[in-house]
Amino acid sequence: MLIKDTEQWANHLFKHAELGDERRTKRLVKISHQMASNTGSSIVKASGSQASIEGAYRFLRNDKVDADNIATAGLNSLLPAITLSNTILALEDTSTLCYRHNVTKELGHTGAYKQSS
């Protein structure tokens, strides 16, 4: 199955995520759709409104949101298509980030780059 619309993709992938509250699942779908529609953008730029930005950050800070539950929902939504396929591509993003801002000390270890004083 090929889904070209990011809203349909996000809904298909995460609509059954068990995050303890239906509103969290809806927020996950919304954030996923916004980020997929604005590849490479920050949450602020992808969100489009102050309410969406705050909702995304509240979602990310929520201790009741478990990354394993999100991953499980994604995998479970893909299993039917995977079982019908003879070929599966497992793509990995090996991108790294290099922060050269004054706030890098607050980020902790982010890689091999050492900021000069």
PDB file of N, CA and C in Angstrom:
ATOM      1  N   MET A   1       0.842  -1.167   0.000  1.00  0.00           N
ATOM      2  CA  MET A   1       0.000   0.000   0.000  1.00  0.00           C
ATOM      3  C   MET A   1       0.892   1.237   0.000  1.00  0.00           C
ATOM      4  N   LEU A   2       0.601   2.151  -0.894  1.00  0.00           N
ATOM      5  CA  LEU A   2       1.351   3.398  -0.988  1.00  0.00           C
ATOM      6  C   LEU A   2       0.452   4.549  -0.551  1.00  0.00           C
ATOM      7  N   ILE A   3       0.897   5.260   0.466  1.00  0.00           N
ATOM      8  CA  ILE A   3       0.149   6.411   0.976  1.00  0.00           C
ATOM      9  C   ILE A   3       0.981   7.648   0.693  1.00  0.00           C
ATOM     10  N   LYS A   4       0.430   8.557  -0.085  1.00  0.00           N
ATOM     11  CA  LYS A   4       1.158   9.767  -0.458  1.00  0.00           C
ATOM     12  C   LYS A   4       0.806  10.957   0.423  1.00  0.00           C
ATOM     13  N   ASP A   5      -0.341  10.949   1.041  1.00  0.00           N
ATOM     14  CA  ASP A   5      -0.795  12.045   1.880  1.00  0.00           C
ATOM     15  C   ASP A   5      -0.264  11.840   3.303  1.00  0.00           C
ATOM     16  N   THR A   6       0.415  12.842   3.856  1.00  0.00           N
ATOM     17  CA  THR A   6       1.042  12.689   5.174  1.00  0.00           C
ATOM     18  C   THR A   6       0.015  12.537   6.298  1.00  0.00           C
ATOM     19  N   GLU A   7      -1.152  13.127   6.138  1.00  0.00           N
ATOM     20  CA  GLU A   7      -2.179  12.964   7.174  1.00  0.00           C
ATOM     21  C   GLU A   7      -2.692  11.527   7.191  1.00  0.00           C
ATOM     22  N   GLN A   8      -2.929  10.960   6.009  1.00  0.00           N
ATOM     23  CA  GLN A   8      -3.352   9.554   5.935  1.00  0.00           C
ATOM     24  C   GLN A   8      -2.251   8.639   6.467  1.00  0.00           C
ATOM     25  N   TRP A   9      -1.013   8.938   6.103  1.00  0.00           N
ATOM     26  CA  TRP A   9       0.121   8.130   6.563  1.00  0.00           C
ATOM     27  C   TRP A   9       0.193   8.123   8.086  1.00  0.00           C
ATOM     28  N   ALA A  10       0.148   9.309   8.697  1.00  0.00           N
ATOM     29  CA  ALA A  10       0.250   9.418  10.157  1.00  0.00           C
ATOM     30  C   ALA A  10      -0.913   8.704  10.831  1.00  0.00           C
ATOM     31  N   ASN A  11      -2.107   8.869  10.292  1.00  0.00           N
ATOM     32  CA  ASN A  11      -3.281   8.210  10.857  1.00  0.00           C
ATOM     33  C   ASN A  11      -3.163   6.696  10.745  1.00  0.00           C
ATOM     34  N   HIS A  12      -2.751   6.215   9.582  1.00  0.00           N
ATOM     35  CA  HIS A  12      -2.583   4.771   9.376  1.00  0.00           C
ATOM     36  C   HIS A  12      -1.542   4.200  10.333  1.00  0.00           C
ATOM     37  N   LEU A  13      -0.455   4.910  10.506  1.00  0.00           N
ATOM     38  CA  LEU A  13       0.655   4.406  11.307  1.00  0.00           C
ATOM     39  C   LEU A  13       0.369   4.429  12.800  1.00  0.00           C
ATOM     40  N   PHE A  14      -0.287   5.467  13.293  1.00  0.00           N
ATOM     41  CA  PHE A  14      -0.361   5.664  14.738  1.00  0.00           C
ATOM     42  C   PHE A  14      -1.764   5.701  15.347  1.00  0.00           C
ATOM     43  N   LYS A  15      -2.810   5.516  14.556  1.00  0.00           N
ATOM     44  CA  LYS A  15      -4.169   5.661  15.110  1.00  0.00           C
ATOM     45  C   LYS A  15      -4.497   4.650  16.204  1.00  0.00           C
ATOM     46  N   HIS A  16      -3.753   3.554  16.276  1.00  0.00           N
ATOM     47  CA  HIS A  16      -4.013   2.545  17.310  1.00  0.00           C
ATOM     48  C   HIS A  16      -2.963   2.567  18.416  1.00  0.00           C
ATOM     49  N   ALA A  17      -2.187   3.641  18.492  1.00  0.00           N
ATOM     50  CA  ALA A  17      -1.182   3.749  19.559  1.00  0.00           C
ATOM     51  C   ALA A  17      -1.884   3.761  20.912  1.00  0.00           C
ATOM     52  N   GLU A  18      -1.392   2.961  21.817  1.00  0.00           N
ATOM     53  CA  GLU A  18      -1.970   2.879  23.158  1.00  0.00           C
ATOM     54  C   GLU A  18      -1.153   3.758  24.090  1.00  0.00           C
ATOM     55  N   LEU A  19      -1.617   4.990  24.238  1.00  0.00           N
ATOM     56  CA  LEU A  19      -0.899   5.968  25.050  1.00  0.00           C
ATOM     57  C   LEU A  19      -1.682   6.344  26.305  1.00  0.00           C
ATOM     58  N   GLY A  20      -2.711   5.567  26.625  1.00  0.00           N
ATOM     59  CA  GLY A  20      -3.458   5.779  27.849  1.00  0.00           C
ATOM     60  C   GLY A  20      -4.577   6.800  27.758  1.00  0.00           C
ATOM     61  N   ASP A  21      -4.640   7.532  26.673  1.00  0.00           N
ATOM     62  CA  ASP A  21      -5.679   8.555  26.505  1.00  0.00           C
ATOM     63  C   ASP A  21      -5.813   8.826  25.010  1.00  0.00           C
ATOM     64  N   GLU A  22      -7.031   8.802  24.528  1.00  0.00           N
ATOM     65  CA  GLU A  22      -7.293   9.016  23.099  1.00  0.00           C
ATOM     66  C   GLU A  22      -6.733  10.352  22.605  1.00  0.00           C
ATOM     67  N   ARG A  23      -6.728  11.357  23.483  1.00  0.00           N
ATOM     68  CA  ARG A  23      -6.208  12.671  23.096  1.00  0.00           C
ATOM     69  C   ARG A  23      -4.708  12.624  22.807  1.00  0.00           C
ATOM     70  N   ARG A  24      -3.979  11.785  23.532  1.00  0.00           N
ATOM     71  CA  ARG A  24      -2.538  11.635  23.258  1.00  0.00           C
ATOM     72  C   ARG A  24      -2.311  10.994  21.896  1.00  0.00           C
ATOM     73  N   THR A  25      -3.123   9.996  21.590  1.00  0.00           N
ATOM     74  CA  THR A  25      -3.005   9.335  20.285  1.00  0.00           C
ATOM     75  C   THR A  25      -3.313  10.322  19.167  1.00  0.00           C
ATOM     76  N   LYS A  26      -4.344  11.128  19.333  1.00  0.00           N
ATOM     77  CA  LYS A  26      -4.664  12.142  18.321  1.00  0.00           C
ATOM     78  C   LYS A  26      -3.535  13.153  18.179  1.00  0.00           C
ATOM     79  N   ARG A  27      -2.918  13.517  19.289  1.00  0.00           N
ATOM     80  CA  ARG A  27      -1.801  14.465  19.241  1.00  0.00           C
ATOM     81  C   ARG A  27      -0.608  13.840  18.514  1.00  0.00           C
ATOM     82  N   LEU A  28      -0.341  12.555  18.764  1.00  0.00           N
ATOM     83  CA  LEU A  28       0.748  11.859  18.063  1.00  0.00           C
ATOM     84  C   LEU A  28       0.505  11.866  16.562  1.00  0.00           C
ATOM     85  N   VAL A  29      -0.708  11.572  16.141  1.00  0.00           N
ATOM     86  CA  VAL A  29      -1.052  11.584  14.716  1.00  0.00           C
ATOM     87  C   VAL A  29      -0.839  12.988  14.150  1.00  0.00           C
ATOM     88  N   LYS A  30      -1.297  13.997  14.871  1.00  0.00           N
ATOM     89  CA  LYS A  30      -1.174  15.377  14.402  1.00  0.00           C
ATOM     90  C   LYS A  30       0.290  15.796  14.280  1.00  0.00           C
ATOM     91  N   ILE A  31       1.088  15.517  15.302  1.00  0.00           N
ATOM     92  CA  ILE A  31       2.515  15.881  15.270  1.00  0.00           C
ATOM     93  C   ILE A  31       3.213  15.153  14.131  1.00  0.00           C
ATOM     94  N   SER A  32       2.927  13.869  13.974  1.00  0.00           N
ATOM     95  CA  SER A  32       3.551  13.075  12.909  1.00  0.00           C
ATOM     96  C   SER A  32       3.207  13.635  11.536  1.00  0.00           C
ATOM     97  N   HIS A  33       1.947  13.986  11.353  1.00  0.00           N
ATOM     98  CA  HIS A  33       1.493  14.580  10.091  1.00  0.00           C
ATOM     99  C   HIS A  33       2.205  15.903   9.837  1.00  0.00           C
ATOM    100  N   GLN A  34       2.251  16.760  10.842  1.00  0.00           N
ATOM    101  CA  GLN A  34       2.888  18.071  10.675  1.00  0.00           C
ATOM    102  C   GLN A  34       4.378  17.937  10.377  1.00  0.00           C
ATOM    103  N   MET A  35       5.062  17.052  11.084  1.00  0.00           N
ATOM    104  CA  MET A  35       6.499  16.897  10.868  1.00  0.00           C
ATOM    105  C   MET A  35       6.778  16.265   9.497  1.00  0.00           C
ATOM    106  N   ALA A  36       5.958  15.297   9.086  1.00  0.00           N
ATOM    107  CA  ALA A  36       6.143  14.665   7.781  1.00  0.00           C
ATOM    108  C   ALA A  36       5.835  15.638   6.644  1.00  0.00           C
ATOM    109  N   SER A  37       4.916  16.560   6.880  1.00  0.00           N
ATOM    110  CA  SER A  37       4.570  17.554   5.861  1.00  0.00           C
ATOM    111  C   SER A  37       5.616  18.660   5.754  1.00  0.00           C
ATOM    112  N   ASN A  38       6.438  18.777   6.763  1.00  0.00           N
ATOM    113  CA  ASN A  38       7.446  19.838   6.819  1.00  0.00           C
ATOM    114  C   ASN A  38       8.812  19.243   7.145  1.00  0.00           C
ATOM    115  N   THR A  39       9.218  18.281   6.336  1.00  0.00           N
ATOM    116  CA  THR A  39      10.465  17.573   6.565  1.00  0.00           C
ATOM    117  C   THR A  39      11.624  18.539   6.759  1.00  0.00           C
ATOM    118  N   GLY A  40      12.395  18.302   7.810  1.00  0.00           N
ATOM    119  CA  GLY A  40      13.553  19.138   8.092  1.00  0.00           C
ATOM    120  C   GLY A  40      13.249  20.366   8.912  1.00  0.00           C
ATOM    121  N   SER A  41      11.981  20.618   9.176  1.00  0.00           N
ATOM    122  CA  SER A  41      11.601  21.788   9.960  1.00  0.00           C
ATOM    123  C   SER A  41      11.598  21.465  11.447  1.00  0.00           C
ATOM    124  N   SER A  42      11.696  22.497  12.242  1.00  0.00           N
ATOM    125  CA  SER A  42      11.572  22.341  13.687  1.00  0.00           C
ATOM    126  C   SER A  42      10.102  22.145  14.040  1.00  0.00           C
ATOM    127  N   ILE A  43       9.854  21.745  15.263  1.00  0.00           N
ATOM    128  CA  ILE A  43       8.471  21.612  15.729  1.00  0.00           C
ATOM    129  C   ILE A  43       7.761  22.959  15.614  1.00  0.00           C
ATOM    130  N   VAL A  44       8.462  24.021  15.944  1.00  0.00           N
ATOM    131  CA  VAL A  44       7.862  25.357  15.896  1.00  0.00           C
ATOM    132  C   VAL A  44       7.414  25.695  14.480  1.00  0.00           C
ATOM    133  N   LYS A  45       8.275  25.469  13.507  1.00  0.00           N
ATOM    134  CA  LYS A  45       7.932  25.797  12.123  1.00  0.00           C
ATOM    135  C   LYS A  45       6.879  24.852  11.557  1.00  0.00           C
ATOM    136  N   ALA A  46       6.948  23.580  11.918  1.00  0.00           N
ATOM    137  CA  ALA A  46       6.005  22.600  11.378  1.00  0.00           C
ATOM    138  C   ALA A  46       4.618  22.727  11.991  1.00  0.00           C
ATOM    139  N   SER A  47       4.534  23.203  13.220  1.00  0.00           N
ATOM    140  CA  SER A  47       3.253  23.225  13.935  1.00  0.00           C
ATOM    141  C   SER A  47       2.262  24.236  13.385  1.00  0.00           C
ATOM    142  N   GLY A  48       2.725  25.381  12.998  1.00  0.00           N
ATOM    143  CA  GLY A  48       1.839  26.347  12.361  1.00  0.00           C
ATOM    144  C   GLY A  48       1.067  27.278  13.273  1.00  0.00           C
ATOM    145  N   SER A  49       0.886  26.924  14.526  1.00  0.00           N
ATOM    146  CA  SER A  49       0.170  27.818  15.441  1.00  0.00           C
ATOM    147  C   SER A  49       0.755  27.653  16.840  1.00  0.00           C
ATOM    148  N   GLN A  50       0.537  28.652  17.653  1.00  0.00           N
ATOM    149  CA  GLN A  50       1.037  28.604  19.030  1.00  0.00           C
ATOM    150  C   GLN A  50       0.416  27.441  19.803  1.00  0.00           C
ATOM    151  N   ALA A  51      -0.865  27.183  19.575  1.00  0.00           N
ATOM    152  CA  ALA A  51      -1.545  26.085  20.258  1.00  0.00           C
ATOM    153  C   ALA A  51      -0.948  24.729  19.859  1.00  0.00           C
ATOM    154  N   SER A  52      -0.635  24.558  18.570  1.00  0.00           N
ATOM    155  CA  SER A  52      -0.038  23.300  18.112  1.00  0.00           C
ATOM    156  C   SER A  52       1.376  23.127  18.653  1.00  0.00           C
ATOM    157  N   ILE A  53       2.109  24.219  18.733  1.00  0.00           N
ATOM    158  CA  ILE A  53       3.472  24.167  19.292  1.00  0.00           C
ATOM    159  C   ILE A  53       3.407  23.722  20.749  1.00  0.00           C
ATOM    160  N   GLU A  54       2.552  24.372  21.526  1.00  0.00           N
ATOM    161  CA  GLU A  54       2.429  24.029  22.948  1.00  0.00           C
ATOM    162  C   GLU A  54       1.932  22.600  23.118  1.00  0.00           C
ATOM    163  N   GLY A  55       0.985  22.175  22.280  1.00  0.00           N
ATOM    164  CA  GLY A  55       0.490  20.800  22.340  1.00  0.00           C
ATOM    165  C   GLY A  55       1.589  19.786  22.050  1.00  0.00           C
ATOM    166  N   ALA A  56       2.431  20.083  21.079  1.00  0.00           N
ATOM    167  CA  ALA A  56       3.534  19.182  20.737  1.00  0.00           C
ATOM    168  C   ALA A  56       4.520  19.088  21.887  1.00  0.00           C
ATOM    169  N   TYR A  57       4.876  20.218  22.474  1.00  0.00           N
ATOM    170  CA  TYR A  57       5.825  20.190  23.588  1.00  0.00           C
ATOM    171  C   TYR A  57       5.234  19.523  24.827  1.00  0.00           C
ATOM    172  N   ARG A  58       3.950  19.733  25.089  1.00  0.00           N
ATOM    173  CA  ARG A  58       3.311  19.035  26.210  1.00  0.00           C
ATOM    174  C   ARG A  58       3.335  17.523  25.974  1.00  0.00           C
ATOM    175  N   PHE A  59       3.084  17.117  24.735  1.00  0.00           N
ATOM    176  CA  PHE A  59       3.120  15.697  24.386  1.00  0.00           C
ATOM    177  C   PHE A  59       4.516  15.121  24.631  1.00  0.00           C
ATOM    178  N   LEU A  60       5.536  15.822  24.172  1.00  0.00           N
ATOM    179  CA  LEU A  60       6.910  15.330  24.308  1.00  0.00           C
ATOM    180  C   LEU A  60       7.381  15.289  25.763  1.00  0.00           C
ATOM    181  N   ARG A  61       6.865  16.186  26.590  1.00  0.00           N
ATOM    182  CA  ARG A  61       7.251  16.218  28.006  1.00  0.00           C
ATOM    183  C   ARG A  61       6.434  15.254  28.866  1.00  0.00           C
ATOM    184  N   ASN A  62       5.375  14.690  28.327  1.00  0.00           N
ATOM    185  CA  ASN A  62       4.444  13.876  29.096  1.00  0.00           C
ATOM    186  C   ASN A  62       5.078  12.535  29.477  1.00  0.00           C
ATOM    187  N   ASP A  63       5.195  12.286  30.773  1.00  0.00           N
ATOM    188  CA  ASP A  63       5.783  11.039  31.263  1.00  0.00           C
ATOM    189  C   ASP A  63       4.956   9.807  30.905  1.00  0.00           C
ATOM    190  N   LYS A  64       3.687  10.015  30.579  1.00  0.00           N
ATOM    191  CA  LYS A  64       2.815   8.888  30.240  1.00  0.00           C
ATOM    192  C   LYS A  64       2.938   8.479  28.776  1.00  0.00           C
ATOM    193  N   VAL A  65       3.683   9.235  27.988  1.00  0.00           N
ATOM    194  CA  VAL A  65       3.920   8.888  26.591  1.00  0.00           C
ATOM    195  C   VAL A  65       5.174   8.024  26.544  1.00  0.00           C
ATOM    196  N   ASP A  66       5.011   6.791  26.111  1.00  0.00           N
ATOM    197  CA  ASP A  66       6.100   5.821  26.079  1.00  0.00           C
ATOM    198  C   ASP A  66       6.522   5.561  24.630  1.00  0.00           C
ATOM    199  N   ALA A  67       7.791   5.776  24.340  1.00  0.00           N
ATOM    200  CA  ALA A  67       8.314   5.587  22.985  1.00  0.00           C
ATOM    201  C   ALA A  67       8.087   4.156  22.496  1.00  0.00           C
ATOM    202  N   ASP A  68       8.160   3.187  23.385  1.00  0.00           N
ATOM    203  CA  ASP A  68       7.934   1.792  22.982  1.00  0.00           C
ATOM    204  C   ASP A  68       6.503   1.583  22.486  1.00  0.00           C
ATOM    205  N   ASN A  69       5.544   2.248  23.104  1.00  0.00           N
ATOM    206  CA  ASN A  69       4.146   2.134  22.651  1.00  0.00           C
ATOM    207  C   ASN A  69       3.961   2.760  21.273  1.00  0.00           C
ATOM    208  N   ILE A  70       4.673   3.844  21.021  1.00  0.00           N
ATOM    209  CA  ILE A  70       4.609   4.484  19.705  1.00  0.00           C
ATOM    210  C   ILE A  70       5.230   3.567  18.656  1.00  0.00           C
ATOM    211  N   ALA A  71       6.390   3.001  18.969  1.00  0.00           N
ATOM    212  CA  ALA A  71       7.056   2.086  18.035  1.00  0.00           C
ATOM    213  C   ALA A  71       6.206   0.847  17.768  1.00  0.00           C
ATOM    214  N   THR A  72       5.590   0.316  18.806  1.00  0.00           N
ATOM    215  CA  THR A  72       4.727  -0.864  18.655  1.00  0.00           C
ATOM    216  C   THR A  72       3.541  -0.562  17.750  1.00  0.00           C
ATOM    217  N   ALA A  73       2.942   0.600  17.927  1.00  0.00           N
ATOM    218  CA  ALA A  73       1.811   0.987  17.070  1.00  0.00           C
ATOM    219  C   ALA A  73       2.242   1.068  15.612  1.00  0.00           C
ATOM    220  N   GLY A  74       3.394   1.678  15.367  1.00  0.00           N
ATOM    221  CA  GLY A  74       3.899   1.774  14.000  1.00  0.00           C
ATOM    222  C   GLY A  74       4.167   0.410  13.395  1.00  0.00           C
ATOM    223  N   LEU A  75       4.823  -0.452  14.156  1.00  0.00           N
ATOM    224  CA  LEU A  75       5.127  -1.798  13.658  1.00  0.00           C
ATOM    225  C   LEU A  75       3.849  -2.586  13.390  1.00  0.00           C
ATOM    226  N   ASN A  76       2.922  -2.540  14.318  1.00  0.00           N
ATOM    227  CA  ASN A  76       1.669  -3.284  14.142  1.00  0.00           C
ATOM    228  C   ASN A  76       0.875  -2.811  12.930  1.00  0.00           C
ATOM    229  N   SER A  77       0.954  -1.523  12.615  1.00  0.00           N
ATOM    230  CA  SER A  77       0.231  -1.024  11.442  1.00  0.00           C
ATOM    231  C   SER A  77       0.898  -1.474  10.145  1.00  0.00           C
ATOM    232  N   LEU A  78       2.189  -1.765  10.215  1.00  0.00           N
ATOM    233  CA  LEU A  78       2.916  -2.188   9.016  1.00  0.00           C
ATOM    234  C   LEU A  78       2.918  -3.696   8.796  1.00  0.00           C
ATOM    235  N   LEU A  79       2.669  -4.469   9.835  1.00  0.00           N
ATOM    236  CA  LEU A  79       2.755  -5.931   9.724  1.00  0.00           C
ATOM    237  C   LEU A  79       1.913  -6.540   8.605  1.00  0.00           C
ATOM    238  N   PRO A  80       0.659  -6.138   8.417  1.00  0.00           N
ATOM    239  CA  PRO A  80      -0.115  -6.741   7.322  1.00  0.00           C
ATOM    240  C   PRO A  80       0.550  -6.551   5.954  1.00  0.00           C
ATOM    241  N   ALA A  81       1.074  -5.374   5.683  1.00  0.00           N
ATOM    242  CA  ALA A  81       1.728  -5.124   4.396  1.00  0.00           C
ATOM    243  C   ALA A  81       3.055  -5.890   4.295  1.00  0.00           C
ATOM    244  N   ILE A  82       3.763  -5.994   5.400  1.00  0.00           N
ATOM    245  CA  ILE A  82       5.054  -6.689   5.398  1.00  0.00           C
ATOM    246  C   ILE A  82       4.863  -8.170   5.090  1.00  0.00           C
ATOM    247  N   THR A  83       3.824  -8.773   5.642  1.00  0.00           N
ATOM    248  CA  THR A  83       3.606 -10.202   5.421  1.00  0.00           C
ATOM    249  C   THR A  83       3.233 -10.517   3.975  1.00  0.00           C
ATOM    250  N   LEU A  84       2.744  -9.522   3.233  1.00  0.00           N
ATOM    251  CA  LEU A  84       2.377  -9.723   1.833  1.00  0.00           C
ATOM    252  C   LEU A  84       3.530  -9.467   0.875  1.00  0.00           C
ATOM    253  N   SER A  85       4.642  -8.975   1.380  1.00  0.00           N
ATOM    254  CA  SER A  85       5.742  -8.551   0.526  1.00  0.00           C
ATOM    255  C   SER A  85       6.880  -9.570   0.512  1.00  0.00           C
ATOM    256  N   ASN A  86       7.515  -9.702  -0.650  1.00  0.00           N
ATOM    257  CA  ASN A  86       8.685 -10.564  -0.760  1.00  0.00           C
ATOM    258  C   ASN A  86       9.968  -9.813  -0.413  1.00  0.00           C
ATOM    259  N   THR A  87       9.911  -8.497  -0.458  1.00  0.00           N
ATOM    260  CA  THR A  87      11.083  -7.667  -0.200  1.00  0.00           C
ATOM    261  C   THR A  87      10.755  -6.614   0.846  1.00  0.00           C
ATOM    262  N   ILE A  88      11.646  -6.501   1.805  1.00  0.00           N
ATOM    263  CA  ILE A  88      11.479  -5.489   2.845  1.00  0.00           C
ATOM    264  C   ILE A  88      12.757  -4.668   2.900  1.00  0.00           C
ATOM    265  N   LEU A  89      12.603  -3.359   2.826  1.00  0.00           N
ATOM    266  CA  LEU A  89      13.745  -2.462   2.965  1.00  0.00           C
ATOM    267  C   LEU A  89      13.781  -1.943   4.390  1.00  0.00           C
ATOM    268  N   ALA A  90      14.913  -2.112   5.046  1.00  0.00           N
ATOM    269  CA  ALA A  90      15.089  -1.576   6.399  1.00  0.00           C
ATOM    270  C   ALA A  90      16.079  -0.421   6.289  1.00  0.00           C
ATOM    271  N   LEU A  91      15.550   0.782   6.196  1.00  0.00           N
ATOM    272  CA  LEU A  91      16.377   1.963   6.005  1.00  0.00           C
ATOM    273  C   LEU A  91      16.769   2.547   7.353  1.00  0.00           C
ATOM    274  N   GLU A  92      17.976   3.059   7.413  1.00  0.00           N
ATOM    275  CA  GLU A  92      18.470   3.642   8.653  1.00  0.00           C
ATOM    276  C   GLU A  92      18.998   5.032   8.369  1.00  0.00           C
ATOM    277  N   ASP A  93      18.638   5.950   9.209  1.00  0.00           N
ATOM    278  CA  ASP A  93      19.130   7.319   9.096  1.00  0.00           C
ATOM    279  C   ASP A  93      20.342   7.457   9.999  1.00  0.00           C
ATOM    280  N   THR A  94      21.492   7.673   9.413  1.00  0.00           N
ATOM    281  CA  THR A  94      22.715   7.801  10.199  1.00  0.00           C
ATOM    282  C   THR A  94      23.169   9.246  10.302  1.00  0.00           C
ATOM    283  N   SER A  95      22.228  10.164  10.141  1.00  0.00           N
ATOM    284  CA  SER A  95      22.543  11.583  10.238  1.00  0.00           C
ATOM    285  C   SER A  95      23.035  11.921  11.639  1.00  0.00           C
ATOM    286  N   THR A  96      23.882  12.905  11.717  1.00  0.00           N
ATOM    287  CA  THR A  96      24.326  13.412  13.006  1.00  0.00           C
ATOM    288  C   THR A  96      24.113  14.921  13.040  1.00  0.00           C
ATOM    289  N   LEU A  97      24.056  15.451  14.212  1.00  0.00           N
ATOM    290  CA  LEU A  97      23.872  16.877  14.392  1.00  0.00           C
ATOM    291  C   LEU A  97      25.118  17.461  15.043  1.00  0.00           C
ATOM    292  N   CYS A  98      25.470  18.654  14.627  1.00  0.00           N
ATOM    293  CA  CYS A  98      26.620  19.336  15.212  1.00  0.00           C
ATOM    294  C   CYS A  98      26.155  20.720  15.641  1.00  0.00           C
ATOM    295  N   TYR A  99      26.105  20.945  16.941  1.00  0.00           N
ATOM    296  CA  TYR A  99      25.661  22.228  17.480  1.00  0.00           C
ATOM    297  C   TYR A  99      26.883  23.093  17.779  1.00  0.00           C
ATOM    298  N   ARG A 100      26.882  24.290  17.250  1.00  0.00           N
ATOM    299  CA  ARG A 100      27.983  25.215  17.482  1.00  0.00           C
ATOM    300  C   ARG A 100      27.467  26.529  18.072  1.00  0.00           C
ATOM    301  N   HIS A 101      26.510  26.411  18.954  1.00  0.00           N
ATOM    302  CA  HIS A 101      25.921  27.593  19.580  1.00  0.00           C
ATOM    303  C   HIS A 101      26.438  27.715  21.003  1.00  0.00           C
ATOM    304  N   ASN A 102      26.222  28.838  21.609  1.00  0.00           N
ATOM    305  CA  ASN A 102      26.648  29.051  22.984  1.00  0.00           C
ATOM    306  C   ASN A 102      25.935  28.145  23.976  1.00  0.00           C
ATOM    307  N   VAL A 103      24.791  27.593  23.598  1.00  0.00           N
ATOM    308  CA  VAL A 103      24.033  26.745  24.514  1.00  0.00           C
ATOM    309  C   VAL A 103      24.456  25.280  24.468  1.00  0.00           C
ATOM    310  N   THR A 104      25.485  24.940  23.701  1.00  0.00           N
ATOM    311  CA  THR A 104      25.855  23.529  23.551  1.00  0.00           C
ATOM    312  C   THR A 104      26.233  22.879  24.867  1.00  0.00           C
ATOM    313  N   LYS A 105      26.761  23.616  25.805  1.00  0.00           N
ATOM    314  CA  LYS A 105      27.121  23.027  27.100  1.00  0.00           C
ATOM    315  C   LYS A 105      25.882  22.518  27.821  1.00  0.00           C
ATOM    316  N   GLU A 106      24.745  23.169  27.607  1.00  0.00           N
ATOM    317  CA  GLU A 106      23.497  22.759  28.245  1.00  0.00           C
ATOM    318  C   GLU A 106      22.916  21.501  27.604  1.00  0.00           C
ATOM    319  N   LEU A 107      23.300  21.189  26.360  1.00  0.00           N
ATOM    320  CA  LEU A 107      22.757  20.028  25.655  1.00  0.00           C
ATOM    321  C   LEU A 107      23.368  18.722  26.130  1.00  0.00           C
ATOM    322  N   GLY A 108      24.537  18.782  26.747  1.00  0.00           N
ATOM    323  CA  GLY A 108      25.238  17.555  27.121  1.00  0.00           C
ATOM    324  C   GLY A 108      25.999  17.024  25.923  1.00  0.00           C
ATOM    325  N   HIS A 109      26.394  15.758  25.995  1.00  0.00           N
ATOM    326  CA  HIS A 109      27.182  15.145  24.916  1.00  0.00           C
ATOM    327  C   HIS A 109      26.317  14.956  23.676  1.00  0.00           C
ATOM    328  N   THR A 110      26.728  15.541  22.563  1.00  0.00           N
ATOM    329  CA  THR A 110      25.980  15.405  21.309  1.00  0.00           C
ATOM    330  C   THR A 110      26.819  14.784  20.200  1.00  0.00           C
ATOM    331  N   GLY A 111      28.033  14.377  20.482  1.00  0.00           N
ATOM    332  CA  GLY A 111      28.887  13.771  19.464  1.00  0.00           C
ATOM    333  C   GLY A 111      30.345  14.102  19.711  1.00  0.00           C
ATOM    334  N   ALA A 112      31.149  13.946  18.675  1.00  0.00           N
ATOM    335  CA  ALA A 112      32.595  14.099  18.818  1.00  0.00           C
ATOM    336  C   ALA A 112      33.051  15.556  18.750  1.00  0.00           C
ATOM    337  N   TYR A 113      32.193  16.443  18.299  1.00  0.00           N
ATOM    338  CA  TYR A 113      32.575  17.842  18.141  1.00  0.00           C
ATOM    339  C   TYR A 113      32.845  18.475  19.496  1.00  0.00           C
ATOM    340  N   LYS A 114      33.965  19.178  19.601  1.00  0.00           N
ATOM    341  CA  LYS A 114      34.321  19.892  20.839  1.00  0.00           C
ATOM    342  C   LYS A 114      34.242  21.377  20.546  1.00  0.00           C
ATOM    343  N   GLN A 115      33.483  22.076  21.346  1.00  0.00           N
ATOM    344  CA  GLN A 115      33.356  23.528  21.161  1.00  0.00           C
ATOM    345  C   GLN A 115      34.586  24.216  21.721  1.00  0.00           C
ATOM    346  N   SER A 116      35.161  25.133  20.915  1.00  0.00           N
ATOM    347  CA  SER A 116      36.306  25.874  21.403  1.00  0.00           C
ATOM    348  C   SER A 116      35.820  27.055  22.226  1.00  0.00           C
ATOM    349  N   SER A 117      36.598  27.447  23.192  1.00  0.00           N
ATOM    350  CA  SER A 117      36.202  28.537  24.085  1.00  0.00           C
ATOM    351  C   SER A 117      36.466  29.879  23.471  1.00  0.00           C
TER     352      SER A 117
END
